[in-house]
């Protein structure tokens, strides 16, 4: 299985994620190889794990979700005024 390389800015993980996933060359079945902008590092799985943790944290903070850990999870919300 071939890898697809992904350069991510720690300050805007979601922007990098959305841009990468929109590329025609993106294949969800291929393994990610993440590098953070301006950082040296070899991805032996740790950088990809860190990226996914940062992305999930950023996603959970979006206003499209309601609830939280006390509510046993998050739910998508609908902003009918939007």
PDB file of N, CA and C in Angstrom:
ATOM      1  N   UNK A   1       0.852  -1.177   0.000  1.00  0.00           N
ATOM      2  CA  UNK A   1       0.000   0.000   0.000  1.00  0.00           C
ATOM      3  C   UNK A   1       0.892   1.232   0.000  1.00  0.00           C
ATOM      4  N   UNK A   2       0.660   2.145  -0.919  1.00  0.00           N
ATOM      5  CA  UNK A   2       1.488   3.339  -0.991  1.00  0.00           C
ATOM      6  C   UNK A   2       0.988   4.395  -0.014  1.00  0.00           C
ATOM      7  N   UNK A   3       1.884   5.319   0.317  1.00  0.00           N
ATOM      8  CA  UNK A   3       1.555   6.384   1.270  1.00  0.00           C
ATOM      9  C   UNK A   3       1.243   7.665   0.529  1.00  0.00           C
ATOM     10  N   UNK A   4       0.466   8.510   1.166  1.00  0.00           N
ATOM     11  CA  UNK A   4       0.256   9.851   0.660  1.00  0.00           C
ATOM     12  C   UNK A   4       0.763  10.822   1.714  1.00  0.00           C
ATOM     13  N   UNK A   5       1.585  11.754   1.270  1.00  0.00           N
ATOM     14  CA  UNK A   5       2.223  12.694   2.185  1.00  0.00           C
ATOM     15  C   UNK A   5       1.315  13.898   2.407  1.00  0.00           C
ATOM     16  N   UNK A   6       1.353  14.404   3.616  1.00  0.00           N
ATOM     17  CA  UNK A   6       0.471  15.495   3.994  1.00  0.00           C
ATOM     18  C   UNK A   6       1.233  16.446   4.900  1.00  0.00           C
ATOM     19  N   UNK A   7       1.362  17.715   4.489  1.00  0.00           N
ATOM     20  CA  UNK A   7       2.017  18.744   5.282  1.00  0.00           C
ATOM     21  C   UNK A   7       0.924  19.508   6.029  1.00  0.00           C
ATOM     22  N   UNK A   8       1.087  19.623   7.348  1.00  0.00           N
ATOM     23  CA  UNK A   8       0.049  20.207   8.190  1.00  0.00           C
ATOM     24  C   UNK A   8       0.641  21.325   9.039  1.00  0.00           C
ATOM     25  N   UNK A   9      -0.113  22.411   9.177  1.00  0.00           N
ATOM     26  CA  UNK A   9       0.256  23.506  10.061  1.00  0.00           C
ATOM     27  C   UNK A   9      -0.449  23.288  11.397  1.00  0.00           C
ATOM     28  N   UNK A  10       0.312  23.203  12.464  1.00  0.00           N
ATOM     29  CA  UNK A  10      -0.279  22.968  13.796  1.00  0.00           C
ATOM     30  C   UNK A  10      -1.291  24.041  14.190  1.00  0.00           C
ATOM     31  N   UNK A  11      -1.107  25.257  13.704  1.00  0.00           N
ATOM     32  CA  UNK A  11      -1.975  26.358  14.079  1.00  0.00           C
ATOM     33  C   UNK A  11      -3.326  26.313  13.367  1.00  0.00           C
ATOM     34  N   UNK A  12      -3.412  25.545  12.291  1.00  0.00           N
ATOM     35  CA  UNK A  12      -4.677  25.452  11.544  1.00  0.00           C
ATOM     36  C   UNK A  12      -4.818  24.047  10.962  1.00  0.00           C
ATOM     37  N   UNK A  13      -4.964  23.084  11.842  1.00  0.00           N
ATOM     38  CA  UNK A  13      -5.029  21.671  11.458  1.00  0.00           C
ATOM     39  C   UNK A  13      -6.216  21.413  10.529  1.00  0.00           C
ATOM     40  N   UNK A  14      -7.361  21.993  10.824  1.00  0.00           N
ATOM     41  CA  UNK A  14      -8.555  21.721  10.016  1.00  0.00           C
ATOM     42  C   UNK A  14      -8.417  22.237   8.594  1.00  0.00           C
ATOM     43  N   UNK A  15      -7.811  23.396   8.416  1.00  0.00           N
ATOM     44  CA  UNK A  15      -7.622  23.929   7.069  1.00  0.00           C
ATOM     45  C   UNK A  15      -6.760  22.977   6.256  1.00  0.00           C
ATOM     46  N   UNK A  16      -5.661  22.528   6.835  1.00  0.00           N
ATOM     47  CA  UNK A  16      -4.786  21.591   6.142  1.00  0.00           C
ATOM     48  C   UNK A  16      -5.484  20.280   5.843  1.00  0.00           C
ATOM     49  N   UNK A  17      -6.266  19.839   6.784  1.00  0.00           N
ATOM     50  CA  UNK A  17      -7.013  18.586   6.620  1.00  0.00           C
ATOM     51  C   UNK A  17      -8.011  18.699   5.478  1.00  0.00           C
ATOM     52  N   UNK A  18      -8.818  19.753   5.491  1.00  0.00           N
ATOM     53  CA  UNK A  18      -9.833  19.916   4.456  1.00  0.00           C
ATOM     54  C   UNK A  18      -9.206  20.091   3.073  1.00  0.00           C
ATOM     55  N   UNK A  19      -8.118  20.870   2.987  1.00  0.00           N
ATOM     56  CA  UNK A  19      -7.456  21.061   1.692  1.00  0.00           C
ATOM     57  C   UNK A  19      -6.916  19.734   1.163  1.00  0.00           C
ATOM     58  N   UNK A  20      -6.274  18.959   2.029  1.00  0.00           N
ATOM     59  CA  UNK A  20      -5.696  17.684   1.600  1.00  0.00           C
ATOM     60  C   UNK A  20      -6.777  16.694   1.169  1.00  0.00           C
ATOM     61  N   UNK A  21      -7.863  16.622   1.922  1.00  0.00           N
ATOM     62  CA  UNK A  21      -8.909  15.659   1.618  1.00  0.00           C
ATOM     63  C   UNK A  21      -9.689  16.026   0.352  1.00  0.00           C
ATOM     64  N   UNK A  22      -9.655  17.294  -0.055  1.00  0.00           N
ATOM     65  CA  UNK A  22     -10.354  17.725  -1.266  1.00  0.00           C
ATOM     66  C   UNK A  22      -9.550  17.462  -2.537  1.00  0.00           C
ATOM     67  N   UNK A  23      -8.259  17.191  -2.400  1.00  0.00           N
ATOM     68  CA  UNK A  23      -7.427  16.956  -3.577  1.00  0.00           C
ATOM     69  C   UNK A  23      -7.892  15.713  -4.321  1.00  0.00           C
ATOM     70  N   UNK A  24      -7.830  15.791  -5.652  1.00  0.00           N
ATOM     71  CA  UNK A  24      -8.220  14.642  -6.463  1.00  0.00           C
ATOM     72  C   UNK A  24      -7.326  13.437  -6.193  1.00  0.00           C
ATOM     73  N   UNK A  25      -6.081  13.694  -5.814  1.00  0.00           N
ATOM     74  CA  UNK A  25      -5.125  12.608  -5.572  1.00  0.00           C
ATOM     75  C   UNK A  25      -5.355  11.907  -4.231  1.00  0.00           C
ATOM     76  N   UNK A  26      -6.208  12.483  -3.356  1.00  0.00           N
ATOM     77  CA  UNK A  26      -6.443  11.872  -2.046  1.00  0.00           C
ATOM     78  C   UNK A  26      -7.203  10.561  -2.198  1.00  0.00           C
ATOM     79  N   UNK A  27      -6.676   9.535  -1.577  1.00  0.00           N
ATOM     80  CA  UNK A  27      -7.313   8.222  -1.575  1.00  0.00           C
ATOM     81  C   UNK A  27      -7.459   7.776  -0.126  1.00  0.00           C
ATOM     82  N   UNK A  28      -8.678   7.671   0.406  1.00  0.00           N
ATOM     83  CA  UNK A  28      -8.871   7.339   1.818  1.00  0.00           C
ATOM     84  C   UNK A  28      -8.325   5.974   2.217  1.00  0.00           C
ATOM     85  N   UNK A  29      -8.144   5.090   1.254  1.00  0.00           N
ATOM     86  CA  UNK A  29      -7.628   3.764   1.585  1.00  0.00           C
ATOM     87  C   UNK A  29      -6.103   3.720   1.704  1.00  0.00           C
ATOM     88  N   UNK A  30      -5.435   4.791   1.320  1.00  0.00           N
ATOM     89  CA  UNK A  30      -3.973   4.840   1.417  1.00  0.00           C
ATOM     90  C   UNK A  30      -3.535   5.363   2.776  1.00  0.00           C
ATOM     91  N   UNK A  31      -2.373   4.940   3.211  1.00  0.00           N
ATOM     92  CA  UNK A  31      -1.818   5.349   4.504  1.00  0.00           C
ATOM     93  C   UNK A  31      -1.354   6.801   4.451  1.00  0.00           C
ATOM     94  N   UNK A  32      -1.659   7.562   5.509  1.00  0.00           N
ATOM     95  CA  UNK A  32      -1.206   8.950   5.612  1.00  0.00           C
ATOM     96  C   UNK A  32       0.221   9.000   6.143  1.00  0.00           C
ATOM     97  N   UNK A  33       0.970   9.964   5.669  1.00  0.00           N
ATOM     98  CA  UNK A  33       2.303  10.233   6.182  1.00  0.00           C
ATOM     99  C   UNK A  33       2.341  11.728   6.477  1.00  0.00           C
ATOM    100  N   UNK A  34       2.161  12.096   7.721  1.00  0.00           N
ATOM    101  CA  UNK A  34       2.003  13.498   8.121  1.00  0.00           C
ATOM    102  C   UNK A  34       3.341  14.108   8.506  1.00  0.00           C
ATOM    103  N   UNK A  35       3.527  15.358   8.087  1.00  0.00           N
ATOM    104  CA  UNK A  35       4.646  16.181   8.550  1.00  0.00           C
ATOM    105  C   UNK A  35       4.054  17.516   8.958  1.00  0.00           C
ATOM    106  N   UNK A  36       4.570  18.076  10.039  1.00  0.00           N
ATOM    107  CA  UNK A  36       4.117  19.387  10.494  1.00  0.00           C
ATOM    108  C   UNK A  36       5.020  20.457   9.906  1.00  0.00           C
ATOM    109  N   UNK A  37       4.419  21.525   9.389  1.00  0.00           N
ATOM    110  CA  UNK A  37       5.158  22.618   8.763  1.00  0.00           C
ATOM    111  C   UNK A  37       6.205  23.179   9.708  1.00  0.00           C
ATOM    112  N   UNK A  38       7.410  23.366   9.188  1.00  0.00           N
ATOM    113  CA  UNK A  38       8.481  23.975   9.967  1.00  0.00           C
ATOM    114  C   UNK A  38       9.111  23.071  11.001  1.00  0.00           C
ATOM    115  N   UNK A  39       8.784  21.796  11.001  1.00  0.00           N
ATOM    116  CA  UNK A  39       9.324  20.861  11.984  1.00  0.00           C
ATOM    117  C   UNK A  39      10.017  19.710  11.286  1.00  0.00           C
ATOM    118  N   UNK A  40      11.130  19.300  11.857  1.00  0.00           N
ATOM    119  CA  UNK A  40      11.783  18.088  11.388  1.00  0.00           C
ATOM    120  C   UNK A  40      11.159  16.922  12.132  1.00  0.00           C
ATOM    121  N   UNK A  41      11.010  15.857  11.474  1.00  0.00           N
ATOM    122  CA  UNK A  41      10.455  14.688  12.144  1.00  0.00           C
ATOM    123  C   UNK A  41      10.181  13.593  11.137  1.00  0.00           C
ATOM    124  N   UNK A  42      10.421  12.386  11.542  1.00  0.00           N
ATOM    125  CA  UNK A  42      10.140  11.226  10.704  1.00  0.00           C
ATOM    126  C   UNK A  42       8.867  10.593  11.228  1.00  0.00           C
ATOM    127  N   UNK A  43       7.944  10.338  10.322  1.00  0.00           N
ATOM    128  CA  UNK A  43       6.665   9.779  10.722  1.00  0.00           C
ATOM    129  C   UNK A  43       6.736   8.261  10.753  1.00  0.00           C
ATOM    130  N   UNK A  44       6.845   7.733  11.940  1.00  0.00           N
ATOM    131  CA  UNK A  44       6.759   6.284  12.130  1.00  0.00           C
ATOM    132  C   UNK A  44       5.408   5.932  12.742  1.00  0.00           C
ATOM    133  N   UNK A  45       4.430   6.786  12.522  1.00  0.00           N
ATOM    134  CA  UNK A  45       3.094   6.577  13.059  1.00  0.00           C
ATOM    135  C   UNK A  45       2.725   7.603  14.116  1.00  0.00           C
ATOM    136  N   UNK A  46       3.717   8.111  14.830  1.00  0.00           N
ATOM    137  CA  UNK A  46       3.453   9.063  15.906  1.00  0.00           C
ATOM    138  C   UNK A  46       2.920  10.393  15.419  1.00  0.00           C
ATOM    139  N   UNK A  47       3.460  10.911  14.324  1.00  0.00           N
ATOM    140  CA  UNK A  47       2.990  12.197  13.800  1.00  0.00           C
ATOM    141  C   UNK A  47       1.571  12.084  13.245  1.00  0.00           C
ATOM    142  N   UNK A  48       1.272  10.972  12.600  1.00  0.00           N
ATOM    143  CA  UNK A  48      -0.086  10.759  12.099  1.00  0.00           C
ATOM    144  C   UNK A  48      -1.065  10.656  13.254  1.00  0.00           C
ATOM    145  N   UNK A  49      -0.684   9.926  14.304  1.00  0.00           N
ATOM    146  CA  UNK A  49      -1.543   9.826  15.493  1.00  0.00           C
ATOM    147  C   UNK A  49      -1.770  11.198  16.108  1.00  0.00           C
ATOM    148  N   UNK A  50      -0.689  11.978  16.229  1.00  0.00           N
ATOM    149  CA  UNK A  50      -0.813  13.316  16.805  1.00  0.00           C
ATOM    150  C   UNK A  50      -1.709  14.198  15.943  1.00  0.00           C
ATOM    151  N   UNK A  51      -1.543  14.125  14.621  1.00  0.00           N
ATOM    152  CA  UNK A  51      -2.394  14.889  13.711  1.00  0.00           C
ATOM    153  C   UNK A  51      -3.861  14.517  13.900  1.00  0.00           C
ATOM    154  N   UNK A  52      -4.156  13.220  13.961  1.00  0.00           N
ATOM    155  CA  UNK A  52      -5.544  12.780  14.120  1.00  0.00           C
ATOM    156  C   UNK A  52      -6.126  13.224  15.455  1.00  0.00           C
ATOM    157  N   UNK A  53      -5.317  13.215  16.513  1.00  0.00           N
ATOM    158  CA  UNK A  53      -5.783  13.703  17.819  1.00  0.00           C
ATOM    159  C   UNK A  53      -6.080  15.196  17.757  1.00  0.00           C
ATOM    160  N   UNK A  54      -5.179  15.974  17.130  1.00  0.00           N
ATOM    161  CA  UNK A  54      -5.397  17.418  16.996  1.00  0.00           C
ATOM    162  C   UNK A  54      -6.626  17.709  16.133  1.00  0.00           C
ATOM    163  N   UNK A  55      -6.795  16.938  15.063  1.00  0.00           N
ATOM    164  CA  UNK A  55      -7.940  17.138  14.176  1.00  0.00           C
ATOM    165  C   UNK A  55      -9.246  16.825  14.897  1.00  0.00           C
ATOM    166  N   UNK A  56      -9.287  15.736  15.650  1.00  0.00           N
ATOM    167  CA  UNK A  56     -10.515  15.390  16.378  1.00  0.00           C
ATOM    168  C   UNK A  56     -10.839  16.434  17.434  1.00  0.00           C
ATOM    169  N   UNK A  57      -9.826  16.948  18.109  1.00  0.00           N
ATOM    170  CA  UNK A  57     -10.049  17.991  19.106  1.00  0.00           C
ATOM    171  C   UNK A  57     -10.595  19.253  18.434  1.00  0.00           C
ATOM    172  N   UNK A  58     -10.007  19.634  17.298  1.00  0.00           N
ATOM    173  CA  UNK A  58     -10.471  20.819  16.576  1.00  0.00           C
ATOM    174  C   UNK A  58     -11.891  20.623  16.066  1.00  0.00           C
ATOM    175  N   UNK A  59     -12.194  19.440  15.534  1.00  0.00           N
ATOM    176  CA  UNK A  59     -13.553  19.164  15.061  1.00  0.00           C
ATOM    177  C   UNK A  59     -14.577  19.230  16.189  1.00  0.00           C
ATOM    178  N   UNK A  60     -14.211  18.704  17.351  1.00  0.00           N
ATOM    179  CA  UNK A  60     -15.159  18.680  18.468  1.00  0.00           C
ATOM    180  C   UNK A  60     -15.459  20.073  18.998  1.00  0.00           C
ATOM    181  N   UNK A  61     -14.614  21.046  18.678  1.00  0.00           N
ATOM    182  CA  UNK A  61     -14.823  22.409  19.148  1.00  0.00           C
ATOM    183  C   UNK A  61     -15.619  23.265  18.161  1.00  0.00           C
ATOM    184  N   UNK A  62     -15.967  22.696  17.010  1.00  0.00           N
ATOM    185  CA  UNK A  62     -16.764  23.437  16.036  1.00  0.00           C
ATOM    186  C   UNK A  62     -18.191  23.600  16.545  1.00  0.00           C
ATOM    187  N   UNK A  63     -18.855  24.633  16.088  1.00  0.00           N
ATOM    188  CA  UNK A  63     -20.215  24.896  16.540  1.00  0.00           C
ATOM    189  C   UNK A  63     -21.240  23.941  15.930  1.00  0.00           C
ATOM    190  N   UNK A  64     -20.803  23.027  15.087  1.00  0.00           N
ATOM    191  CA  UNK A  64     -21.749  22.070  14.500  1.00  0.00           C
ATOM    192  C   UNK A  64     -22.089  20.949  15.474  1.00  0.00           C
ATOM    193  N   UNK A  65     -21.394  20.903  16.615  1.00  0.00           N
ATOM    194  CA  UNK A  65     -21.642  19.874  17.605  1.00  0.00           C
ATOM    195  C   UNK A  65     -22.223  20.462  18.882  1.00  0.00           C
ATOM    196  N   UNK A  66     -23.083  19.700  19.519  1.00  0.00           N
ATOM    197  CA  UNK A  66     -23.596  20.070  20.834  1.00  0.00           C
ATOM    198  C   UNK A  66     -23.305  18.917  21.779  1.00  0.00           C
ATOM    199  N   UNK A  67     -23.413  19.176  23.040  1.00  0.00           N
ATOM    200  CA  UNK A  67     -23.172  18.128  24.028  1.00  0.00           C
ATOM    201  C   UNK A  67     -21.724  18.113  24.464  1.00  0.00           C
ATOM    202  N   UNK A  68     -21.302  17.015  24.996  1.00  0.00           N
ATOM    203  CA  UNK A  68     -19.937  16.870  25.460  1.00  0.00           C
ATOM    204  C   UNK A  68     -19.790  15.608  26.265  1.00  0.00           C
ATOM    205  N   UNK A  69     -18.670  15.478  26.930  1.00  0.00           N
ATOM    206  CA  UNK A  69     -18.406  14.263  27.693  1.00  0.00           C
ATOM    207  C   UNK A  69     -19.456  14.000  28.756  1.00  0.00           C
ATOM    208  N   UNK A  70     -19.925  15.028  29.404  1.00  0.00           N
ATOM    209  CA  UNK A  70     -20.940  14.847  30.442  1.00  0.00           C
ATOM    210  C   UNK A  70     -22.241  14.302  29.844  1.00  0.00           C
ATOM    211  N   UNK A  71     -22.471  14.593  28.566  1.00  0.00           N
ATOM    212  CA  UNK A  71     -23.680  14.134  27.877  1.00  0.00           C
ATOM    213  C   UNK A  71     -23.461  12.798  27.168  1.00  0.00           C
ATOM    214  N   UNK A  72     -22.349  12.152  27.433  1.00  0.00           N
ATOM    215  CA  UNK A  72     -21.983  10.871  26.804  1.00  0.00           C
ATOM    216  C   UNK A  72     -21.702  10.998  25.327  1.00  0.00           C
ATOM    217  N   UNK A  73     -21.234  12.128  24.895  1.00  0.00           N
ATOM    218  CA  UNK A  73     -20.849  12.263  23.492  1.00  0.00           C
ATOM    219  C   UNK A  73     -21.335  13.556  22.881  1.00  0.00           C
ATOM    220  N   UNK A  74     -21.018  13.688  21.614  1.00  0.00           N
ATOM    221  CA  UNK A  74     -21.387  14.885  20.874  1.00  0.00           C
ATOM    222  C   UNK A  74     -22.455  14.540  19.855  1.00  0.00           C
ATOM    223  N   UNK A  75     -23.281  15.505  19.532  1.00  0.00           N
ATOM    224  CA  UNK A  75     -24.320  15.353  18.529  1.00  0.00           C
ATOM    225  C   UNK A  75     -24.172  16.468  17.520  1.00  0.00           C
ATOM    226  N   UNK A  76     -24.501  16.181  16.257  1.00  0.00           N
ATOM    227  CA  UNK A  76     -24.523  17.236  15.257  1.00  0.00           C
ATOM    228  C   UNK A  76     -25.697  18.149  15.581  1.00  0.00           C
ATOM    229  N   UNK A  77     -25.491  19.434  15.389  1.00  0.00           N
ATOM    230  CA  UNK A  77     -26.582  20.370  15.621  1.00  0.00           C
ATOM    231  C   UNK A  77     -26.942  21.067  14.308  1.00  0.00           C
ATOM    232  N   UNK A  78     -28.139  21.547  14.220  1.00  0.00           N
ATOM    233  CA  UNK A  78     -28.604  22.248  13.050  1.00  0.00           C
ATOM    234  C   UNK A  78     -28.855  23.702  13.418  1.00  0.00           C
ATOM    235  N   UNK A  79     -28.178  24.588  12.708  1.00  0.00           N
ATOM    236  CA  UNK A  79     -28.392  26.019  12.927  1.00  0.00           C
ATOM    237  C   UNK A  79     -29.408  26.485  11.881  1.00  0.00           C
ATOM    238  N   UNK A  80     -30.679  26.440  12.244  1.00  0.00           N
ATOM    239  CA  UNK A  80     -31.731  26.771  11.290  1.00  0.00           C
ATOM    240  C   UNK A  80     -31.738  28.241  10.908  1.00  0.00           C
ATOM    241  N   UNK A  81     -31.042  29.084  11.663  1.00  0.00           N
ATOM    242  CA  UNK A  81     -30.943  30.508  11.333  1.00  0.00           C
ATOM    243  C   UNK A  81     -29.802  30.767  10.367  1.00  0.00           C
ATOM    244  N   UNK A  82     -28.885  29.793  10.233  1.00  0.00           N
ATOM    245  CA  UNK A  82     -27.696  29.937   9.384  1.00  0.00           C
ATOM    246  C   UNK A  82     -28.051  29.830   7.960  1.00  0.00           C
TER     247      UNK A  82
END
